[in-house]
Amino acid sequence: MSTKTTDTDIFPITMTDKALAQVKRLIAKDGREGVFLRLGVKGGGCSGLEYVMKLDIARKPVDLEQNFEDITVVCDAKSAVYLRGSVFDYTGNLIGGGFKFDNPNAGKSCGCGTSFMPKTA
């Protein structure tokens, strides 16, 4: 698994080549001007925090931004705390496939991998 690296002191997430290729396909299919990938977390899910991944066109003042080749990825500063050091990956497997976060800050994750409970200090 190769990853597109970035300065994780500024942007918390790295991205695999497979994830980047799939995001490029989704953005091309979307077709909106200025669309980018938003990654983050929000309260909810069966483990406490739920991962967020969506195509977006509206930036916020608290957003951190990184370009991976010609794709812009955005993460808000609050989510960055919980995602620092994470790898965003994609697998095309029929069972358990799709986008996934490999998050070193997750103490426990739900069975489907869409939510997690942060490690305690």
N, C-alpha and C. Protein backbone atom coordinates (compact mmCIF):
# COMPACT_ATOMS: atom_id res chain seq x y z
N MET A 1 0.86 -1.17 0.00
CA MET A 1 0.00 0.00 0.00
C MET A 1 0.90 1.23 0.00
N SER A 2 0.91 1.99 -1.07
CA SER A 2 1.70 3.21 -1.09
C SER A 2 0.78 4.38 -0.74
N THR A 3 1.35 5.36 -0.07
CA THR A 3 0.56 6.50 0.35
C THR A 3 1.13 7.78 -0.21
N LYS A 4 0.25 8.75 -0.43
CA LYS A 4 0.66 10.10 -0.79
C LYS A 4 0.88 10.82 0.54
N THR A 5 2.12 11.19 0.81
CA THR A 5 2.42 11.78 2.11
C THR A 5 2.29 13.29 2.06
N THR A 6 2.19 13.85 3.23
CA THR A 6 2.06 15.28 3.39
C THR A 6 2.71 15.67 4.71
N ASP A 7 2.83 16.92 4.99
CA ASP A 7 3.36 17.40 6.26
C ASP A 7 2.26 17.25 7.31
N THR A 8 2.32 16.17 8.12
CA THR A 8 1.25 15.89 9.07
C THR A 8 1.24 16.87 10.25
N ASP A 9 2.24 17.76 10.35
CA ASP A 9 2.14 18.82 11.34
C ASP A 9 1.10 19.84 10.90
N ILE A 10 0.85 19.92 9.60
CA ILE A 10 -0.12 20.86 9.06
C ILE A 10 -1.42 20.13 8.70
N PHE A 11 -1.31 19.07 7.93
CA PHE A 11 -2.49 18.32 7.51
C PHE A 11 -2.41 16.92 8.10
N PRO A 12 -3.46 16.42 8.75
CA PRO A 12 -3.36 15.21 9.57
C PRO A 12 -3.43 13.88 8.83
N ILE A 13 -3.80 13.86 7.56
CA ILE A 13 -4.15 12.62 6.89
C ILE A 13 -3.25 12.37 5.69
N THR A 14 -2.85 11.11 5.49
CA THR A 14 -2.22 10.71 4.25
C THR A 14 -3.24 9.87 3.47
N MET A 15 -2.96 9.69 2.20
CA MET A 15 -3.93 9.04 1.31
C MET A 15 -3.21 8.01 0.45
N THR A 16 -3.80 6.83 0.29
CA THR A 16 -3.19 5.81 -0.57
C THR A 16 -3.46 6.15 -2.03
N ASP A 17 -2.66 5.54 -2.90
CA ASP A 17 -2.86 5.71 -4.34
C ASP A 17 -4.25 5.23 -4.76
N LYS A 18 -4.71 4.11 -4.17
CA LYS A 18 -6.03 3.58 -4.52
C LYS A 18 -7.13 4.54 -4.12
N ALA A 19 -7.03 5.14 -2.94
CA ALA A 19 -8.04 6.10 -2.50
C ALA A 19 -8.02 7.33 -3.41
N LEU A 20 -6.84 7.81 -3.73
CA LEU A 20 -6.71 8.98 -4.60
C LEU A 20 -7.33 8.72 -5.97
N ALA A 21 -7.07 7.55 -6.54
CA ALA A 21 -7.63 7.22 -7.85
C ALA A 21 -9.16 7.17 -7.81
N GLN A 22 -9.72 6.60 -6.73
CA GLN A 22 -11.18 6.52 -6.62
C GLN A 22 -11.78 7.91 -6.40
N VAL A 23 -11.14 8.74 -5.61
CA VAL A 23 -11.64 10.10 -5.39
C VAL A 23 -11.61 10.88 -6.70
N LYS A 24 -10.57 10.72 -7.49
CA LYS A 24 -10.50 11.39 -8.79
C LYS A 24 -11.69 10.99 -9.67
N ARG A 25 -12.03 9.69 -9.66
CA ARG A 25 -13.18 9.23 -10.45
C ARG A 25 -14.48 9.87 -9.95
N LEU A 26 -14.65 9.93 -8.63
CA LEU A 26 -15.88 10.52 -8.06
C LEU A 26 -15.99 12.01 -8.37
N ILE A 27 -14.88 12.73 -8.28
CA ILE A 27 -14.89 14.17 -8.57
C ILE A 27 -15.19 14.40 -10.05
N ALA A 28 -14.59 13.60 -10.93
CA ALA A 28 -14.87 13.74 -12.37
C ALA A 28 -16.34 13.48 -12.66
N LYS A 29 -16.92 12.50 -12.00
CA LYS A 29 -18.32 12.17 -12.20
C LYS A 29 -19.24 13.26 -11.63
N ASP A 30 -18.82 13.88 -10.53
CA ASP A 30 -19.61 14.93 -9.88
C ASP A 30 -19.80 16.12 -10.81
N GLY A 31 -18.70 16.61 -11.37
CA GLY A 31 -18.76 17.66 -12.38
C GLY A 31 -18.93 19.09 -11.90
N ARG A 32 -19.14 19.32 -10.61
CA ARG A 32 -19.27 20.70 -10.13
C ARG A 32 -17.93 21.42 -10.17
N GLU A 33 -17.99 22.71 -10.42
CA GLU A 33 -16.79 23.55 -10.43
C GLU A 33 -16.27 23.70 -9.00
N GLY A 34 -14.98 23.49 -8.80
CA GLY A 34 -14.35 23.71 -7.51
C GLY A 34 -14.62 22.65 -6.46
N VAL A 35 -15.08 21.48 -6.86
CA VAL A 35 -15.40 20.43 -5.89
C VAL A 35 -14.12 19.84 -5.30
N PHE A 36 -14.18 19.51 -4.01
CA PHE A 36 -13.05 18.91 -3.30
C PHE A 36 -13.57 17.85 -2.35
N LEU A 37 -12.66 17.06 -1.78
CA LEU A 37 -13.00 16.02 -0.82
C LEU A 37 -12.90 16.58 0.59
N ARG A 38 -13.96 16.43 1.36
CA ARG A 38 -13.96 16.82 2.77
C ARG A 38 -13.92 15.55 3.61
N LEU A 39 -12.92 15.46 4.49
CA LEU A 39 -12.79 14.37 5.45
C LEU A 39 -12.90 14.93 6.85
N GLY A 40 -13.51 14.18 7.75
CA GLY A 40 -13.63 14.65 9.11
C GLY A 40 -14.32 13.63 10.00
N VAL A 41 -14.72 14.08 11.17
CA VAL A 41 -15.48 13.27 12.11
C VAL A 41 -16.62 14.12 12.66
N LYS A 42 -17.66 13.43 13.12
CA LYS A 42 -18.76 14.09 13.82
C LYS A 42 -19.25 13.16 14.90
N GLY A 43 -19.92 13.70 15.90
CA GLY A 43 -20.48 12.89 16.97
C GLY A 43 -21.54 11.96 16.41
N GLY A 44 -21.52 10.70 16.86
CA GLY A 44 -22.53 9.75 16.42
C GLY A 44 -21.92 8.40 16.10
N GLY A 45 -22.70 7.57 15.44
CA GLY A 45 -22.26 6.22 15.15
C GLY A 45 -22.34 5.36 16.39
N CYS A 46 -22.06 4.09 16.25
CA CYS A 46 -22.21 3.18 17.39
C CYS A 46 -21.01 3.23 18.34
N SER A 47 -19.94 3.93 17.99
CA SER A 47 -18.77 3.97 18.87
C SER A 47 -18.45 5.37 19.41
N GLY A 48 -19.21 6.38 19.05
CA GLY A 48 -18.99 7.71 19.60
C GLY A 48 -18.70 8.78 18.58
N LEU A 49 -17.74 8.54 17.68
CA LEU A 49 -17.43 9.49 16.60
C LEU A 49 -17.57 8.77 15.28
N GLU A 50 -18.19 9.43 14.33
CA GLU A 50 -18.43 8.85 13.01
C GLU A 50 -17.56 9.56 11.98
N TYR A 51 -16.95 8.77 11.08
CA TYR A 51 -16.15 9.35 10.01
C TYR A 51 -17.05 10.05 9.00
N VAL A 52 -16.56 11.16 8.46
CA VAL A 52 -17.27 11.92 7.43
C VAL A 52 -16.41 11.96 6.18
N MET A 53 -17.01 11.67 5.05
CA MET A 53 -16.36 11.78 3.75
C MET A 53 -17.41 12.26 2.78
N LYS A 54 -17.17 13.42 2.17
CA LYS A 54 -18.13 13.91 1.18
C LYS A 54 -17.44 14.84 0.20
N LEU A 55 -18.04 14.96 -0.97
CA LEU A 55 -17.59 15.95 -1.93
C LEU A 55 -18.28 17.25 -1.58
N ASP A 56 -17.52 18.34 -1.59
CA ASP A 56 -18.03 19.62 -1.09
C ASP A 56 -17.53 20.74 -2.00
N ILE A 57 -18.15 21.90 -1.89
CA ILE A 57 -17.69 23.09 -2.62
C ILE A 57 -17.57 24.31 -1.71
N ALA A 58 -17.95 24.15 -0.42
CA ALA A 58 -17.93 25.29 0.51
C ALA A 58 -16.85 25.11 1.56
N ARG A 59 -15.88 26.03 1.56
CA ARG A 59 -14.83 26.00 2.58
C ARG A 59 -15.28 26.78 3.82
N LYS A 60 -14.68 26.41 4.96
CA LYS A 60 -14.98 27.07 6.24
C LYS A 60 -13.69 27.69 6.78
N PRO A 61 -13.81 28.72 7.61
CA PRO A 61 -12.60 29.37 8.15
C PRO A 61 -11.69 28.43 8.94
N VAL A 62 -12.23 27.35 9.51
CA VAL A 62 -11.44 26.43 10.33
C VAL A 62 -10.84 25.27 9.54
N ASP A 63 -10.96 25.30 8.21
CA ASP A 63 -10.49 24.20 7.38
C ASP A 63 -8.98 24.21 7.19
N LEU A 64 -8.41 23.01 7.23
CA LEU A 64 -7.04 22.76 6.81
C LEU A 64 -7.14 22.16 5.42
N GLU A 65 -6.19 22.43 4.56
CA GLU A 65 -6.28 22.00 3.17
C GLU A 65 -4.95 21.43 2.69
N GLN A 66 -5.03 20.37 1.89
CA GLN A 66 -3.84 19.77 1.30
C GLN A 66 -4.18 19.30 -0.11
N ASN A 67 -3.25 19.49 -1.04
CA ASN A 67 -3.42 18.97 -2.39
C ASN A 67 -2.66 17.67 -2.52
N PHE A 68 -3.34 16.66 -3.03
CA PHE A 68 -2.75 15.37 -3.36
C PHE A 68 -2.83 15.28 -4.88
N GLU A 69 -1.68 15.46 -5.53
CA GLU A 69 -1.64 15.58 -6.99
C GLU A 69 -2.58 16.72 -7.37
N ASP A 70 -3.64 16.48 -8.11
CA ASP A 70 -4.54 17.58 -8.50
C ASP A 70 -5.87 17.55 -7.75
N ILE A 71 -5.91 16.85 -6.62
CA ILE A 71 -7.12 16.74 -5.82
C ILE A 71 -6.92 17.51 -4.51
N THR A 72 -7.88 18.36 -4.18
CA THR A 72 -7.84 19.10 -2.91
C THR A 72 -8.63 18.32 -1.87
N VAL A 73 -8.00 18.12 -0.70
CA VAL A 73 -8.63 17.45 0.43
C VAL A 73 -8.66 18.44 1.58
N VAL A 74 -9.81 18.53 2.24
CA VAL A 74 -10.03 19.50 3.31
C VAL A 74 -10.46 18.75 4.57
N CYS A 75 -9.98 19.22 5.72
CA CYS A 75 -10.36 18.66 7.02
C CYS A 75 -10.46 19.83 7.99
N ASP A 76 -11.54 19.89 8.76
CA ASP A 76 -11.66 20.98 9.74
C ASP A 76 -10.70 20.74 10.91
N ALA A 77 -10.32 21.81 11.58
CA ALA A 77 -9.31 21.75 12.64
C ALA A 77 -9.72 20.84 13.79
N LYS A 78 -10.99 20.80 14.15
CA LYS A 78 -11.45 19.95 15.26
C LYS A 78 -11.31 18.47 14.88
N SER A 79 -11.70 18.11 13.67
CA SER A 79 -11.56 16.73 13.21
C SER A 79 -10.09 16.32 13.13
N ALA A 80 -9.23 17.27 12.79
CA ALA A 80 -7.80 16.98 12.63
C ALA A 80 -7.21 16.38 13.90
N VAL A 81 -7.69 16.80 15.06
CA VAL A 81 -7.21 16.27 16.33
C VAL A 81 -7.44 14.76 16.39
N TYR A 82 -8.59 14.29 15.93
CA TYR A 82 -8.95 12.88 15.99
C TYR A 82 -8.41 12.06 14.82
N LEU A 83 -8.01 12.74 13.74
CA LEU A 83 -7.54 12.05 12.55
C LEU A 83 -6.02 12.12 12.34
N ARG A 84 -5.32 12.82 13.21
CA ARG A 84 -3.87 13.00 13.05
C ARG A 84 -3.17 11.65 12.91
N GLY A 85 -2.41 11.50 11.83
CA GLY A 85 -1.67 10.27 11.57
C GLY A 85 -2.46 9.21 10.83
N SER A 86 -3.71 9.50 10.46
CA SER A 86 -4.56 8.52 9.77
C SER A 86 -4.16 8.36 8.31
N VAL A 87 -4.45 7.18 7.79
CA VAL A 87 -4.29 6.88 6.37
C VAL A 87 -5.68 6.62 5.81
N PHE A 88 -6.01 7.33 4.74
CA PHE A 88 -7.29 7.17 4.06
C PHE A 88 -7.05 6.23 2.89
N ASP A 89 -7.79 5.11 2.86
CA ASP A 89 -7.54 4.06 1.87
C ASP A 89 -8.84 3.66 1.18
N TYR A 90 -8.70 2.93 0.09
CA TYR A 90 -9.85 2.40 -0.64
C TYR A 90 -9.56 0.98 -1.06
N THR A 91 -10.54 0.11 -0.87
CA THR A 91 -10.44 -1.25 -1.37
C THR A 91 -11.70 -1.58 -2.16
N GLY A 92 -11.55 -2.26 -3.26
CA GLY A 92 -12.69 -2.62 -4.09
C GLY A 92 -13.26 -3.99 -3.75
N ASN A 93 -12.91 -4.54 -2.58
CA ASN A 93 -13.41 -5.84 -2.18
C ASN A 93 -14.94 -5.86 -2.12
N LEU A 94 -15.53 -6.98 -2.53
CA LEU A 94 -16.98 -7.10 -2.49
C LEU A 94 -17.51 -7.08 -1.06
N ILE A 95 -16.80 -7.70 -0.14
CA ILE A 95 -17.20 -7.69 1.27
C ILE A 95 -16.24 -6.80 2.02
N GLY A 96 -16.77 -5.80 2.70
CA GLY A 96 -15.94 -4.89 3.48
C GLY A 96 -15.17 -3.89 2.65
N GLY A 97 -15.54 -3.72 1.39
CA GLY A 97 -14.84 -2.79 0.51
C GLY A 97 -15.30 -1.37 0.68
N GLY A 98 -14.60 -0.46 0.03
CA GLY A 98 -14.94 0.95 0.06
C GLY A 98 -13.83 1.75 0.70
N PHE A 99 -14.15 2.98 1.08
CA PHE A 99 -13.18 3.87 1.73
C PHE A 99 -13.05 3.49 3.20
N LYS A 100 -11.82 3.60 3.70
CA LYS A 100 -11.55 3.26 5.10
C LYS A 100 -10.49 4.20 5.66
N PHE A 101 -10.60 4.46 6.94
CA PHE A 101 -9.58 5.20 7.68
C PHE A 101 -8.78 4.21 8.52
N ASP A 102 -7.47 4.25 8.43
CA ASP A 102 -6.60 3.54 9.36
C ASP A 102 -6.16 4.61 10.36
N ASN A 103 -6.82 4.64 11.51
CA ASN A 103 -6.69 5.74 12.45
C ASN A 103 -5.98 5.28 13.73
N PRO A 104 -4.76 5.78 13.97
CA PRO A 104 -4.03 5.38 15.18
C PRO A 104 -4.64 5.95 16.46
N ASN A 105 -5.58 6.86 16.35
CA ASN A 105 -6.22 7.47 17.52
C ASN A 105 -7.47 6.74 17.96
N ALA A 106 -7.87 5.71 17.22
CA ALA A 106 -9.08 4.96 17.55
C ALA A 106 -8.76 3.91 18.61
N GLY A 107 -9.44 4.01 19.74
CA GLY A 107 -9.29 3.00 20.78
C GLY A 107 -10.12 1.78 20.46
N LYS A 108 -11.35 2.01 20.04
CA LYS A 108 -12.27 0.95 19.62
C LYS A 108 -12.99 1.41 18.37
N SER A 109 -13.29 0.48 17.48
CA SER A 109 -14.04 0.80 16.27
C SER A 109 -15.24 -0.11 16.20
N CYS A 110 -16.28 0.35 15.51
CA CYS A 110 -17.44 -0.50 15.30
C CYS A 110 -17.09 -1.57 14.26
N GLY A 111 -17.90 -2.58 14.15
CA GLY A 111 -17.65 -3.68 13.24
C GLY A 111 -17.59 -3.27 11.79
N CYS A 112 -18.39 -2.27 11.41
CA CYS A 112 -18.41 -1.85 10.00
C CYS A 112 -17.33 -0.83 9.68
N GLY A 113 -16.64 -0.29 10.70
CA GLY A 113 -15.54 0.62 10.47
C GLY A 113 -15.91 2.07 10.18
N THR A 114 -17.19 2.43 10.38
CA THR A 114 -17.60 3.80 10.09
C THR A 114 -17.56 4.71 11.30
N SER A 115 -17.35 4.15 12.49
CA SER A 115 -17.25 4.99 13.67
C SER A 115 -16.19 4.42 14.62
N PHE A 116 -15.78 5.26 15.57
CA PHE A 116 -14.73 4.84 16.51
C PHE A 116 -14.87 5.60 17.82
N MET A 117 -14.23 5.05 18.85
CA MET A 117 -14.10 5.73 20.12
C MET A 117 -12.63 6.09 20.26
N PRO A 118 -12.33 7.37 20.51
CA PRO A 118 -10.91 7.76 20.63
C PRO A 118 -10.23 7.08 21.81
N LYS A 119 -8.92 6.88 21.68
CA LYS A 119 -8.13 6.37 22.81
C LYS A 119 -8.20 7.37 23.94
N THR A 120 -8.19 6.88 25.15
CA THR A 120 -8.16 7.78 26.30
C THR A 120 -6.73 8.16 26.60
N ALA A 121 -6.57 9.36 27.14
CA ALA A 121 -5.22 9.87 27.42
C ALA A 121 -4.57 9.13 28.56
